[in-house]
Amino acid sequence: MIAGLVQILLFQGLGELISKFVLTTLPGPVIGLVLLLAWLMLRGKLDPSLALVADGFSQYLGLLFVPAAVGVVLFLPQLKEHAGALITALVVSVVLTITTSALILKLMHREPKNDA
């Protein structure tokens, strides 16, 4: 289990270094996760210790939503004050996302030409 945790922390540390000195616009943990994914794809297998740590983390994934819920409760008056703008932004972004996804899917899904 310690070896799996060390692997995760190593890739997160590498991601932080790359984020600090090379790709300053991307968060370090995201870069580290991409590096870990690339490493696992190159190796073609998953270490049992890494799988054990990943399973342990996924069991408590719901705890990551606690800070977000506390933030919503903390800023509830501001959210109520700007509810109209928030709802408008959410609806417009959902419509644009669905429209863009549909257009991309339509462009990617072309019928084969029949030369008969």
PDB file of N, CA and C in Angstrom:
ATOM      1  N   MET A   1       0.823  -1.192   0.000  1.00  0.00           N
ATOM      2  CA  MET A   1       0.000   0.000   0.000  1.00  0.00           C
ATOM      3  C   MET A   1       0.865   1.253   0.000  1.00  0.00           C
ATOM      4  N   ILE A   2       1.977   1.205   0.704  1.00  0.00           N
ATOM      5  CA  ILE A   2       2.868   2.357   0.758  1.00  0.00           C
ATOM      6  C   ILE A   2       3.450   2.646  -0.629  1.00  0.00           C
ATOM      7  N   ALA A   3       3.781   1.600  -1.361  1.00  0.00           N
ATOM      8  CA  ALA A   3       4.351   1.782  -2.705  1.00  0.00           C
ATOM      9  C   ALA A   3       3.348   2.474  -3.634  1.00  0.00           C
ATOM     10  N   GLY A   4       2.080   2.119  -3.541  1.00  0.00           N
ATOM     11  CA  GLY A   4       1.055   2.762  -4.358  1.00  0.00           C
ATOM     12  C   GLY A   4       0.883   4.222  -4.001  1.00  0.00           C
ATOM     13  N   LEU A   5       0.908   4.521  -2.717  1.00  0.00           N
ATOM     14  CA  LEU A   5       0.787   5.911  -2.274  1.00  0.00           C
ATOM     15  C   LEU A   5       1.999   6.727  -2.712  1.00  0.00           C
ATOM     16  N   VAL A   6       3.170   6.128  -2.666  1.00  0.00           N
ATOM     17  CA  VAL A   6       4.388   6.816  -3.116  1.00  0.00           C
ATOM     18  C   VAL A   6       4.297   7.111  -4.612  1.00  0.00           C
ATOM     19  N   GLN A   7       3.776   6.171  -5.394  1.00  0.00           N
ATOM     20  CA  GLN A   7       3.621   6.408  -6.834  1.00  0.00           C
ATOM     21  C   GLN A   7       2.693   7.582  -7.097  1.00  0.00           C
ATOM     22  N   ILE A   8       1.574   7.615  -6.400  1.00  0.00           N
ATOM     23  CA  ILE A   8       0.616   8.705  -6.597  1.00  0.00           C
ATOM     24  C   ILE A   8       1.245  10.038  -6.210  1.00  0.00           C
ATOM     25  N   LEU A   9       1.916  10.084  -5.072  1.00  0.00           N
ATOM     26  CA  LEU A   9       2.540  11.329  -4.627  1.00  0.00           C
ATOM     27  C   LEU A   9       3.695  11.738  -5.544  1.00  0.00           C
ATOM     28  N   LEU A  10       4.417  10.767  -6.083  1.00  0.00           N
ATOM     29  CA  LEU A  10       5.500  11.072  -7.011  1.00  0.00           C
ATOM     30  C   LEU A  10       4.968  11.749  -8.274  1.00  0.00           C
ATOM     31  N   PHE A  11       3.913  11.191  -8.833  1.00  0.00           N
ATOM     32  CA  PHE A  11       3.359  11.785 -10.050  1.00  0.00           C
ATOM     33  C   PHE A  11       2.703  13.136  -9.771  1.00  0.00           C
ATOM     34  N   GLN A  12       2.113  13.292  -8.599  1.00  0.00           N
ATOM     35  CA  GLN A  12       1.558  14.597  -8.257  1.00  0.00           C
ATOM     36  C   GLN A  12       2.687  15.617  -8.092  1.00  0.00           C
ATOM     37  N   GLY A  13       3.779  15.206  -7.480  1.00  0.00           N
ATOM     38  CA  GLY A  13       4.927  16.101  -7.333  1.00  0.00           C
ATOM     39  C   GLY A  13       5.521  16.491  -8.679  1.00  0.00           C
ATOM     40  N   LEU A  14       5.647  15.515  -9.589  1.00  0.00           N
ATOM     41  CA  LEU A  14       6.126  15.832 -10.938  1.00  0.00           C
ATOM     42  C   LEU A  14       5.177  16.802 -11.640  1.00  0.00           C
ATOM     43  N   GLY A  15       3.885  16.581 -11.457  1.00  0.00           N
ATOM     44  CA  GLY A  15       2.904  17.490 -12.046  1.00  0.00           C
ATOM     45  C   GLY A  15       3.026  18.895 -11.483  1.00  0.00           C
ATOM     46  N   GLU A  16       3.271  19.006 -10.180  1.00  0.00           N
ATOM     47  CA  GLU A  16       3.445  20.321  -9.565  1.00  0.00           C
ATOM     48  C   GLU A  16       4.687  21.021 -10.113  1.00  0.00           C
ATOM     49  N   LEU A  17       5.785  20.281 -10.285  1.00  0.00           N
ATOM     50  CA  LEU A  17       7.003  20.875 -10.838  1.00  0.00           C
ATOM     51  C   LEU A  17       6.781  21.357 -12.271  1.00  0.00           C
ATOM     52  N   ILE A  18       6.129  20.528 -13.076  1.00  0.00           N
ATOM     53  CA  ILE A  18       5.853  20.915 -14.459  1.00  0.00           C
ATOM     54  C   ILE A  18       4.919  22.118 -14.484  1.00  0.00           C
ATOM     55  N   SER A  19       3.936  22.131 -13.591  1.00  0.00           N
ATOM     56  CA  SER A  19       3.004  23.252 -13.516  1.00  0.00           C
ATOM     57  C   SER A  19       3.710  24.535 -13.095  1.00  0.00           C
ATOM     58  N   LYS A  20       4.655  24.421 -12.223  1.00  0.00           N
ATOM     59  CA  LYS A  20       5.360  25.597 -11.709  1.00  0.00           C
ATOM     60  C   LYS A  20       6.292  26.204 -12.748  1.00  0.00           C
ATOM     61  N   PHE A  21       6.994  25.351 -13.521  1.00  0.00           N
ATOM     62  CA  PHE A  21       8.042  25.851 -14.387  1.00  0.00           C
ATOM     63  C   PHE A  21       7.731  25.807 -15.884  1.00  0.00           C
ATOM     64  N   VAL A  22       6.809  24.960 -16.309  1.00  0.00           N
ATOM     65  CA  VAL A  22       6.583  24.804 -17.747  1.00  0.00           C
ATOM     66  C   VAL A  22       5.161  25.209 -18.143  1.00  0.00           C
ATOM     67  N   LEU A  23       4.185  24.501 -17.621  1.00  0.00           N
ATOM     68  CA  LEU A  23       2.769  24.744 -17.980  1.00  0.00           C
ATOM     69  C   LEU A  23       2.069  25.437 -16.820  1.00  0.00           C
ATOM     70  N   THR A  24       2.253  26.731 -16.715  1.00  0.00           N
ATOM     71  CA  THR A  24       1.747  27.448 -15.543  1.00  0.00           C
ATOM     72  C   THR A  24       0.225  27.592 -15.532  1.00  0.00           C
ATOM     73  N   THR A  25      -0.423  27.324 -16.650  1.00  0.00           N
ATOM     74  CA  THR A  25      -1.879  27.492 -16.679  1.00  0.00           C
ATOM     75  C   THR A  25      -2.631  26.251 -16.216  1.00  0.00           C
ATOM     76  N   LEU A  26      -1.952  25.105 -16.152  1.00  0.00           N
ATOM     77  CA  LEU A  26      -2.612  23.865 -15.727  1.00  0.00           C
ATOM     78  C   LEU A  26      -2.262  23.549 -14.282  1.00  0.00           C
ATOM     79  N   PRO A  27      -3.226  23.058 -13.512  1.00  0.00           N
ATOM     80  CA  PRO A  27      -2.931  22.668 -12.125  1.00  0.00           C
ATOM     81  C   PRO A  27      -2.009  21.448 -12.076  1.00  0.00           C
ATOM     82  N   GLY A  28      -1.146  21.430 -11.093  1.00  0.00           N
ATOM     83  CA  GLY A  28      -0.202  20.336 -10.927  1.00  0.00           C
ATOM     84  C   GLY A  28      -0.838  18.965 -10.776  1.00  0.00           C
ATOM     85  N   PRO A  29      -1.880  18.836  -9.954  1.00  0.00           N
ATOM     86  CA  PRO A  29      -2.506  17.516  -9.821  1.00  0.00           C
ATOM     87  C   PRO A  29      -3.088  16.983 -11.133  1.00  0.00           C
ATOM     88  N   VAL A  30      -3.576  17.870 -11.983  1.00  0.00           N
ATOM     89  CA  VAL A  30      -4.116  17.429 -13.278  1.00  0.00           C
ATOM     90  C   VAL A  30      -2.981  16.908 -14.159  1.00  0.00           C
ATOM     91  N   ILE A  31      -1.878  17.631 -14.188  1.00  0.00           N
ATOM     92  CA  ILE A  31      -0.725  17.182 -14.966  1.00  0.00           C
ATOM     93  C   ILE A  31      -0.212  15.860 -14.411  1.00  0.00           C
ATOM     94  N   GLY A  32      -0.144  15.747 -13.094  1.00  0.00           N
ATOM     95  CA  GLY A  32       0.311  14.509 -12.474  1.00  0.00           C
ATOM     96  C   GLY A  32      -0.593  13.335 -12.804  1.00  0.00           C
ATOM     97  N   LEU A  33      -1.891  13.571 -12.842  1.00  0.00           N
ATOM     98  CA  LEU A  33      -2.828  12.506 -13.188  1.00  0.00           C
ATOM     99  C   LEU A  33      -2.645  12.060 -14.631  1.00  0.00           C
ATOM    100  N   VAL A  34      -2.409  12.997 -15.531  1.00  0.00           N
ATOM    101  CA  VAL A  34      -2.170  12.654 -16.927  1.00  0.00           C
ATOM    102  C   VAL A  34      -0.861  11.873 -17.057  1.00  0.00           C
ATOM    103  N   LEU A  35       0.163  12.292 -16.307  1.00  0.00           N
ATOM    104  CA  LEU A  35       1.427  11.560 -16.331  1.00  0.00           C
ATOM    105  C   LEU A  35       1.263  10.142 -15.789  1.00  0.00           C
ATOM    106  N   LEU A  36       0.490   9.998 -14.714  1.00  0.00           N
ATOM    107  CA  LEU A  36       0.234   8.669 -14.153  1.00  0.00           C
ATOM    108  C   LEU A  36      -0.519   7.796 -15.147  1.00  0.00           C
ATOM    109  N   LEU A  37      -1.505   8.367 -15.809  1.00  0.00           N
ATOM    110  CA  LEU A  37      -2.258   7.627 -16.820  1.00  0.00           C
ATOM    111  C   LEU A  37      -1.345   7.185 -17.959  1.00  0.00           C
ATOM    112  N   ALA A  38      -0.474   8.089 -18.424  1.00  0.00           N
ATOM    113  CA  ALA A  38       0.458   7.743 -19.494  1.00  0.00           C
ATOM    114  C   ALA A  38       1.413   6.635 -19.046  1.00  0.00           C
ATOM    115  N   TRP A  39       1.886   6.721 -17.816  1.00  0.00           N
ATOM    116  CA  TRP A  39       2.786   5.697 -17.275  1.00  0.00           C
ATOM    117  C   TRP A  39       2.095   4.333 -17.225  1.00  0.00           C
ATOM    118  N   LEU A  40       0.858   4.328 -16.757  1.00  0.00           N
ATOM    119  CA  LEU A  40       0.124   3.067 -16.668  1.00  0.00           C
ATOM    120  C   LEU A  40      -0.176   2.495 -18.054  1.00  0.00           C
ATOM    121  N   MET A  41      -0.447   3.367 -19.019  1.00  0.00           N
ATOM    122  CA  MET A  41      -0.706   2.895 -20.376  1.00  0.00           C
ATOM    123  C   MET A  41       0.568   2.330 -21.006  1.00  0.00           C
ATOM    124  N   LEU A  42       1.707   2.954 -20.730  1.00  0.00           N
ATOM    125  CA  LEU A  42       2.972   2.443 -21.257  1.00  0.00           C
ATOM    126  C   LEU A  42       3.329   1.085 -20.653  1.00  0.00           C
ATOM    127  N   ARG A  43       3.085   0.943 -19.364  1.00  0.00           N
ATOM    128  CA  ARG A  43       3.406  -0.317 -18.691  1.00  0.00           C
ATOM    129  C   ARG A  43       2.415  -1.412 -19.055  1.00  0.00           C
ATOM    130  N   GLY A  44       1.175  -1.044 -19.269  1.00  0.00           N
ATOM    131  CA  GLY A  44       0.168  -2.027 -19.648  1.00  0.00           C
ATOM    132  C   GLY A  44      -0.398  -2.830 -18.497  1.00  0.00           C
ATOM    133  N   LYS A  45      -0.011  -2.501 -17.273  1.00  0.00           N
ATOM    134  CA  LYS A  45      -0.566  -3.218 -16.118  1.00  0.00           C
ATOM    135  C   LYS A  45      -0.631  -2.274 -14.922  1.00  0.00           C
ATOM    136  N   LEU A  46      -1.405  -2.681 -13.943  1.00  0.00           N
ATOM    137  CA  LEU A  46      -1.611  -1.890 -12.740  1.00  0.00           C
ATOM    138  C   LEU A  46      -1.032  -2.649 -11.556  1.00  0.00           C
ATOM    139  N   ASP A  47      -0.172  -1.978 -10.805  1.00  0.00           N
ATOM    140  CA  ASP A  47       0.392  -2.611  -9.615  1.00  0.00           C
ATOM    141  C   ASP A  47      -0.703  -2.866  -8.583  1.00  0.00           C
ATOM    142  N   PRO A  48      -0.661  -3.989  -7.894  1.00  0.00           N
ATOM    143  CA  PRO A  48      -1.676  -4.265  -6.874  1.00  0.00           C
ATOM    144  C   PRO A  48      -1.681  -3.228  -5.744  1.00  0.00           C
ATOM    145  N   SER A  49      -0.508  -2.699  -5.396  1.00  0.00           N
ATOM    146  CA  SER A  49      -0.468  -1.697  -4.326  1.00  0.00           C
ATOM    147  C   SER A  49      -1.135  -0.401  -4.769  1.00  0.00           C
ATOM    148  N   LEU A  50      -0.961  -0.018  -6.037  1.00  0.00           N
ATOM    149  CA  LEU A  50      -1.608   1.176  -6.563  1.00  0.00           C
ATOM    150  C   LEU A  50      -3.116   0.969  -6.654  1.00  0.00           C
ATOM    151  N   ALA A  51      -3.542  -0.211  -7.051  1.00  0.00           N
ATOM    152  CA  ALA A  51      -4.972  -0.521  -7.110  1.00  0.00           C
ATOM    153  C   ALA A  51      -5.597  -0.469  -5.718  1.00  0.00           C
ATOM    154  N   LEU A  52      -4.868  -0.937  -4.712  1.00  0.00           N
ATOM    155  CA  LEU A  52      -5.367  -0.917  -3.340  1.00  0.00           C
ATOM    156  C   LEU A  52      -5.560   0.511  -2.847  1.00  0.00           C
ATOM    157  N   VAL A  53      -4.592   1.379  -3.133  1.00  0.00           N
ATOM    158  CA  VAL A  53      -4.706   2.781  -2.733  1.00  0.00           C
ATOM    159  C   VAL A  53      -5.843   3.466  -3.480  1.00  0.00           C
ATOM    160  N   ALA A  54      -5.968   3.198  -4.777  1.00  0.00           N
ATOM    161  CA  ALA A  54      -7.039   3.803  -5.573  1.00  0.00           C
ATOM    162  C   ALA A  54      -8.410   3.361  -5.068  1.00  0.00           C
ATOM    163  N   ASP A  55      -8.547   2.084  -4.714  1.00  0.00           N
ATOM    164  CA  ASP A  55      -9.815   1.607  -4.153  1.00  0.00           C
ATOM    165  C   ASP A  55     -10.114   2.285  -2.822  1.00  0.00           C
ATOM    166  N   GLY A  56      -9.083   2.471  -2.015  1.00  0.00           N
ATOM    167  CA  GLY A  56      -9.270   3.149  -0.733  1.00  0.00           C
ATOM    168  C   GLY A  56      -9.717   4.587  -0.905  1.00  0.00           C
ATOM    169  N   PHE A  57      -9.117   5.278  -1.879  1.00  0.00           N
ATOM    170  CA  PHE A  57      -9.513   6.660  -2.145  1.00  0.00           C
ATOM    171  C   PHE A  57     -10.944   6.732  -2.660  1.00  0.00           C
ATOM    172  N   SER A  58     -11.300   5.816  -3.541  1.00  0.00           N
ATOM    173  CA  SER A  58     -12.638   5.882  -4.139  1.00  0.00           C
ATOM    174  C   SER A  58     -13.742   5.580  -3.122  1.00  0.00           C
ATOM    175  N   GLN A  59     -13.428   4.868  -2.066  1.00  0.00           N
ATOM    176  CA  GLN A  59     -14.435   4.606  -1.035  1.00  0.00           C
ATOM    177  C   GLN A  59     -14.838   5.886  -0.311  1.00  0.00           C
ATOM    178  N   TYR A  60     -13.912   6.836  -0.215  1.00  0.00           N
ATOM    179  CA  TYR A  60     -14.177   8.071   0.518  1.00  0.00           C
ATOM    180  C   TYR A  60     -14.279   9.281  -0.407  1.00  0.00           C
ATOM    181  N   LEU A  61     -14.597   9.044  -1.656  1.00  0.00           N
ATOM    182  CA  LEU A  61     -14.687  10.116  -2.635  1.00  0.00           C
ATOM    183  C   LEU A  61     -15.787  11.119  -2.285  1.00  0.00           C
ATOM    184  N   GLY A  62     -16.834  10.665  -1.647  1.00  0.00           N
ATOM    185  CA  GLY A  62     -17.931  11.557  -1.267  1.00  0.00           C
ATOM    186  C   GLY A  62     -17.513  12.655  -0.308  1.00  0.00           C
ATOM    187  N   LEU A  63     -16.458  12.433   0.447  1.00  0.00           N
ATOM    188  CA  LEU A  63     -15.986  13.464   1.370  1.00  0.00           C
ATOM    189  C   LEU A  63     -15.471  14.703   0.650  1.00  0.00           C
ATOM    190  N   LEU A  64     -15.089  14.557  -0.613  1.00  0.00           N
ATOM    191  CA  LEU A  64     -14.609  15.707  -1.371  1.00  0.00           C
ATOM    192  C   LEU A  64     -15.719  16.716  -1.647  1.00  0.00           C
ATOM    193  N   PHE A  65     -16.981  16.289  -1.526  1.00  0.00           N
ATOM    194  CA  PHE A  65     -18.089  17.199  -1.767  1.00  0.00           C
ATOM    195  C   PHE A  65     -18.450  18.021  -0.535  1.00  0.00           C
ATOM    196  N   VAL A  66     -17.908  17.686   0.611  1.00  0.00           N
ATOM    197  CA  VAL A  66     -18.219  18.416   1.842  1.00  0.00           C
ATOM    198  C   VAL A  66     -17.786  19.874   1.752  1.00  0.00           C
ATOM    199  N   PRO A  67     -16.554  20.198   1.320  1.00  0.00           N
ATOM    200  CA  PRO A  67     -16.191  21.615   1.231  1.00  0.00           C
ATOM    201  C   PRO A  67     -17.079  22.399   0.270  1.00  0.00           C
ATOM    202  N   ALA A  68     -17.485  21.787  -0.836  1.00  0.00           N
ATOM    203  CA  ALA A  68     -18.369  22.472  -1.777  1.00  0.00           C
ATOM    204  C   ALA A  68     -19.729  22.754  -1.138  1.00  0.00           C
ATOM    205  N   ALA A  69     -20.250  21.797  -0.401  1.00  0.00           N
ATOM    206  CA  ALA A  69     -21.543  21.995   0.268  1.00  0.00           C
ATOM    207  C   ALA A  69     -21.440  23.074   1.333  1.00  0.00           C
ATOM    208  N   VAL A  70     -20.340  23.110   2.063  1.00  0.00           N
ATOM    209  CA  VAL A  70     -20.141  24.154   3.069  1.00  0.00           C
ATOM    210  C   VAL A  70     -20.069  25.517   2.398  1.00  0.00           C
ATOM    211  N   GLY A  71     -19.399  25.591   1.245  1.00  0.00           N
ATOM    212  CA  GLY A  71     -19.320  26.853   0.509  1.00  0.00           C
ATOM    213  C   GLY A  71     -20.677  27.329   0.044  1.00  0.00           C
ATOM    214  N   VAL A  72     -21.524  26.397  -0.399  1.00  0.00           N
ATOM    215  CA  VAL A  72     -22.874  26.782  -0.828  1.00  0.00           C
ATOM    216  C   VAL A  72     -23.659  27.340   0.340  1.00  0.00           C
ATOM    217  N   VAL A  73     -23.573  26.689   1.484  1.00  0.00           N
ATOM    218  CA  VAL A  73     -24.301  27.166   2.662  1.00  0.00           C
ATOM    219  C   VAL A  73     -23.740  28.506   3.130  1.00  0.00           C
ATOM    220  N   LEU A  74     -22.433  28.660   3.073  1.00  0.00           N
ATOM    221  CA  LEU A  74     -21.788  29.885   3.534  1.00  0.00           C
ATOM    222  C   LEU A  74     -22.170  31.083   2.669  1.00  0.00           C
ATOM    223  N   PHE A  75     -22.250  30.865   1.364  1.00  0.00           N
ATOM    224  CA  PHE A  75     -22.548  31.963   0.440  1.00  0.00           C
ATOM    225  C   PHE A  75     -23.997  31.940  -0.039  1.00  0.00           C
ATOM    226  N   LEU A  76     -24.885  31.350   0.718  1.00  0.00           N
ATOM    227  CA  LEU A  76     -26.289  31.254   0.321  1.00  0.00           C
ATOM    228  C   LEU A  76     -26.942  32.618   0.091  1.00  0.00           C
ATOM    229  N   PRO A  77     -26.686  33.636   0.936  1.00  0.00           N
ATOM    230  CA  PRO A  77     -27.296  34.947   0.651  1.00  0.00           C
ATOM    231  C   PRO A  77     -26.858  35.532  -0.700  1.00  0.00           C
ATOM    232  N   GLN A  78     -25.581  35.406  -1.043  1.00  0.00           N
ATOM    233  CA  GLN A  78     -25.116  35.917  -2.333  1.00  0.00           C
ATOM    234  C   GLN A  78     -25.704  35.106  -3.484  1.00  0.00           C
ATOM    235  N   LEU A  79     -25.846  33.795  -3.282  1.00  0.00           N
ATOM    236  CA  LEU A  79     -26.452  32.963  -4.326  1.00  0.00           C
ATOM    237  C   LEU A  79     -27.908  33.334  -4.561  1.00  0.00           C
ATOM    238  N   LYS A  80     -28.636  33.613  -3.470  1.00  0.00           N
ATOM    239  CA  LYS A  80     -30.032  34.032  -3.623  1.00  0.00           C
ATOM    240  C   LYS A  80     -30.119  35.383  -4.315  1.00  0.00           C
ATOM    241  N   GLU A  81     -29.189  36.275  -4.003  1.00  0.00           N
ATOM    242  CA  GLU A  81     -29.203  37.614  -4.587  1.00  0.00           C
ATOM    243  C   GLU A  81     -28.959  37.571  -6.095  1.00  0.00           C
ATOM    244  N   HIS A  82     -28.117  36.679  -6.539  1.00  0.00           N
ATOM    245  CA  HIS A  82     -27.763  36.585  -7.960  1.00  0.00           C
ATOM    246  C   HIS A  82     -28.361  35.340  -8.618  1.00  0.00           C
ATOM    247  N   ALA A  83     -29.469  34.865  -8.114  1.00  0.00           N
ATOM    248  CA  ALA A  83     -30.076  33.631  -8.614  1.00  0.00           C
ATOM    249  C   ALA A  83     -30.440  33.732 -10.095  1.00  0.00           C
ATOM    250  N   GLY A  84     -30.981  34.865 -10.502  1.00  0.00           N
ATOM    251  CA  GLY A  84     -31.374  35.031 -11.908  1.00  0.00           C
ATOM    252  C   GLY A  84     -30.188  34.893 -12.851  1.00  0.00           C
ATOM    253  N   ALA A  85     -29.096  35.563 -12.514  1.00  0.00           N
ATOM    254  CA  ALA A  85     -27.904  35.503 -13.362  1.00  0.00           C
ATOM    255  C   ALA A  85     -27.319  34.093 -13.365  1.00  0.00           C
ATOM    256  N   LEU A  86     -27.313  33.427 -12.220  1.00  0.00           N
ATOM    257  CA  LEU A  86     -26.781  32.071 -12.137  1.00  0.00           C
ATOM    258  C   LEU A  86     -27.609  31.094 -12.964  1.00  0.00           C
ATOM    259  N   ILE A  87     -28.924  31.190 -12.845  1.00  0.00           N
ATOM    260  CA  ILE A  87     -29.797  30.294 -13.605  1.00  0.00           C
ATOM    261  C   ILE A  87     -29.645  30.541 -15.105  1.00  0.00           C
ATOM    262  N   THR A  88     -29.569  31.822 -15.488  1.00  0.00           N
ATOM    263  CA  THR A  88     -29.378  32.145 -16.905  1.00  0.00           C
ATOM    264  C   THR A  88     -28.062  31.576 -17.419  1.00  0.00           C
ATOM    265  N   ALA A  89     -26.993  31.759 -16.651  1.00  0.00           N
ATOM    266  CA  ALA A  89     -25.687  31.249 -17.063  1.00  0.00           C
ATOM    267  C   ALA A  89     -25.708  29.730 -17.170  1.00  0.00           C
ATOM    268  N   LEU A  90     -26.350  29.054 -16.243  1.00  0.00           N
ATOM    269  CA  LEU A  90     -26.423  27.599 -16.287  1.00  0.00           C
ATOM    270  C   LEU A  90     -27.218  27.107 -17.491  1.00  0.00           C
ATOM    271  N   VAL A  91     -28.361  27.728 -17.743  1.00  0.00           N
ATOM    272  CA  VAL A  91     -29.199  27.293 -18.863  1.00  0.00           C
ATOM    273  C   VAL A  91     -28.491  27.541 -20.187  1.00  0.00           C
ATOM    274  N   VAL A  92     -27.895  28.721 -20.342  1.00  0.00           N
ATOM    275  CA  VAL A  92     -27.197  29.038 -21.590  1.00  0.00           C
ATOM    276  C   VAL A  92     -26.016  28.092 -21.793  1.00  0.00           C
ATOM    277  N   SER A  93     -25.256  27.814 -20.738  1.00  0.00           N
ATOM    278  CA  SER A  93     -24.102  26.923 -20.892  1.00  0.00           C
ATOM    279  C   SER A  93     -24.533  25.498 -21.226  1.00  0.00           C
ATOM    280  N   VAL A  94     -25.632  25.037 -20.654  1.00  0.00           N
ATOM    281  CA  VAL A  94     -26.119  23.688 -20.965  1.00  0.00           C
ATOM    282  C   VAL A  94     -26.586  23.620 -22.422  1.00  0.00           C
ATOM    283  N   VAL A  95     -27.312  24.625 -22.861  1.00  0.00           N
ATOM    284  CA  VAL A  95     -27.797  24.639 -24.248  1.00  0.00           C
ATOM    285  C   VAL A  95     -26.617  24.697 -25.219  1.00  0.00           C
ATOM    286  N   LEU A  96     -25.631  25.551 -24.929  1.00  0.00           N
ATOM    287  CA  LEU A  96     -24.456  25.633 -25.804  1.00  0.00           C
ATOM    288  C   LEU A  96     -23.661  24.337 -25.810  1.00  0.00           C
ATOM    289  N   THR A  97     -23.543  23.687 -24.666  1.00  0.00           N
ATOM    290  CA  THR A  97     -22.808  22.423 -24.595  1.00  0.00           C
ATOM    291  C   THR A  97     -23.511  21.342 -25.406  1.00  0.00           C
ATOM    292  N   ILE A  98     -24.813  21.230 -25.249  1.00  0.00           N
ATOM    293  CA  ILE A  98     -25.563  20.218 -25.998  1.00  0.00           C
ATOM    294  C   ILE A  98     -25.513  20.503 -27.495  1.00  0.00           C
ATOM    295  N   THR A  99     -25.665  21.768 -27.876  1.00  0.00           N
ATOM    296  CA  THR A  99     -25.624  22.135 -29.289  1.00  0.00           C
ATOM    297  C   THR A  99     -24.259  21.848 -29.895  1.00  0.00           C
ATOM    298  N   THR A 100     -23.200  22.234 -29.183  1.00  0.00           N
ATOM    299  CA  THR A 100     -21.847  22.000 -29.675  1.00  0.00           C
ATOM    300  C   THR A 100     -21.565  20.501 -29.790  1.00  0.00           C
ATOM    301  N   SER A 101     -21.973  19.745 -28.790  1.00  0.00           N
ATOM    302  CA  SER A 101     -21.768  18.293 -28.835  1.00  0.00           C
ATOM    303  C   SER A 101     -22.515  17.664 -30.006  1.00  0.00           C
ATOM    304  N   ALA A 102     -23.734  18.112 -30.247  1.00  0.00           N
ATOM    305  CA  ALA A 102     -24.518  17.577 -31.357  1.00  0.00           C
ATOM    306  C   ALA A 102     -23.883  17.913 -32.700  1.00  0.00           C
ATOM    307  N   LEU A 103     -23.381  19.136 -32.841  1.00  0.00           N
ATOM    308  CA  LEU A 103     -22.742  19.526 -34.098  1.00  0.00           C
ATOM    309  C   LEU A 103     -21.455  18.742 -34.340  1.00  0.00           C
ATOM    310  N   ILE A 104     -20.666  18.554 -33.297  1.00  0.00           N
ATOM    311  CA  ILE A 104     -19.433  17.784 -33.441  1.00  0.00           C
ATOM    312  C   ILE A 104     -19.748  16.338 -33.790  1.00  0.00           C
ATOM    313  N   LEU A 105     -20.758  15.765 -33.136  1.00  0.00           N
ATOM    314  CA  LEU A 105     -21.153  14.396 -33.443  1.00  0.00           C
ATOM    315  C   LEU A 105     -21.644  14.273 -34.876  1.00  0.00           C
ATOM    316  N   LYS A 106     -22.397  15.264 -35.325  1.00  0.00           N
ATOM    317  CA  LYS A 106     -22.898  15.246 -36.706  1.00  0.00           C
ATOM    318  C   LYS A 106     -21.747  15.339 -37.699  1.00  0.00           C
ATOM    319  N   LEU A 107     -20.746  16.162 -37.403  1.00  0.00           N
ATOM    320  CA  LEU A 107     -19.597  16.277 -38.296  1.00  0.00           C
ATOM    321  C   LEU A 107     -18.752  15.010 -38.305  1.00  0.00           C
ATOM    322  N   MET A 108     -18.648  14.361 -37.172  1.00  0.00           N
ATOM    323  CA  MET A 108     -17.822  13.155 -37.084  1.00  0.00           C
ATOM    324  C   MET A 108     -18.510  11.934 -37.679  1.00  0.00           C
ATOM    325  N   HIS A 109     -19.823  11.912 -37.676  1.00  0.00           N
ATOM    326  CA  HIS A 109     -20.586  10.759 -38.147  1.00  0.00           C
ATOM    327  C   HIS A 109     -21.051  11.021 -39.563  1.00  0.00           C
ATOM    328  N   ARG A 110     -20.191  10.738 -40.505  1.00  0.00           N
ATOM    329  CA  ARG A 110     -20.544  10.917 -41.910  1.00  0.00           C
ATOM    330  C   ARG A 110     -20.865   9.571 -42.514  1.00  0.00           C
ATOM    331  N   GLU A 111     -21.870   9.556 -43.348  1.00  0.00           N
ATOM    332  CA  GLU A 111     -22.277   8.321 -44.023  1.00  0.00           C
ATOM    333  C   GLU A 111     -21.235   7.950 -45.075  1.00  0.00           C
ATOM    334  N   PRO A 112     -20.918   6.674 -45.209  1.00  0.00           N
ATOM    335  CA  PRO A 112     -19.980   6.257 -46.259  1.00  0.00           C
ATOM    336  C   PRO A 112     -20.609   6.436 -47.630  1.00  0.00           C
ATOM    337  N   LYS A 113     -19.783   6.831 -48.574  1.00  0.00           N
ATOM    338  CA  LYS A 113     -20.282   7.045 -49.934  1.00  0.00           C
ATOM    339  C   LYS A 113     -20.385   5.719 -50.667  1.00  0.00           C
ATOM    340  N   ASN A 114     -21.498   5.537 -51.365  1.00  0.00           N
ATOM    341  CA  ASN A 114     -21.696   4.333 -52.190  1.00  0.00           C
ATOM    342  C   ASN A 114     -21.404   4.690 -53.628  1.00  0.00           C
ATOM    343  N   ASP A 115     -20.435   4.028 -54.218  1.00  0.00           N
ATOM    344  CA  ASP A 115     -20.045   4.316 -55.618  1.00  0.00           C
ATOM    345  C   ASP A 115     -20.713   3.348 -56.601  1.00  0.00           C
ATOM    346  N   ALA A 116     -21.875   2.851 -56.283  1.00  0.00           N
ATOM    347  CA  ALA A 116     -22.520   1.857 -57.143  1.00  0.00           C
ATOM    348  C   ALA A 116     -23.420   2.474 -58.149  1.00  0.00           C
TER     349      ALA A 116
END
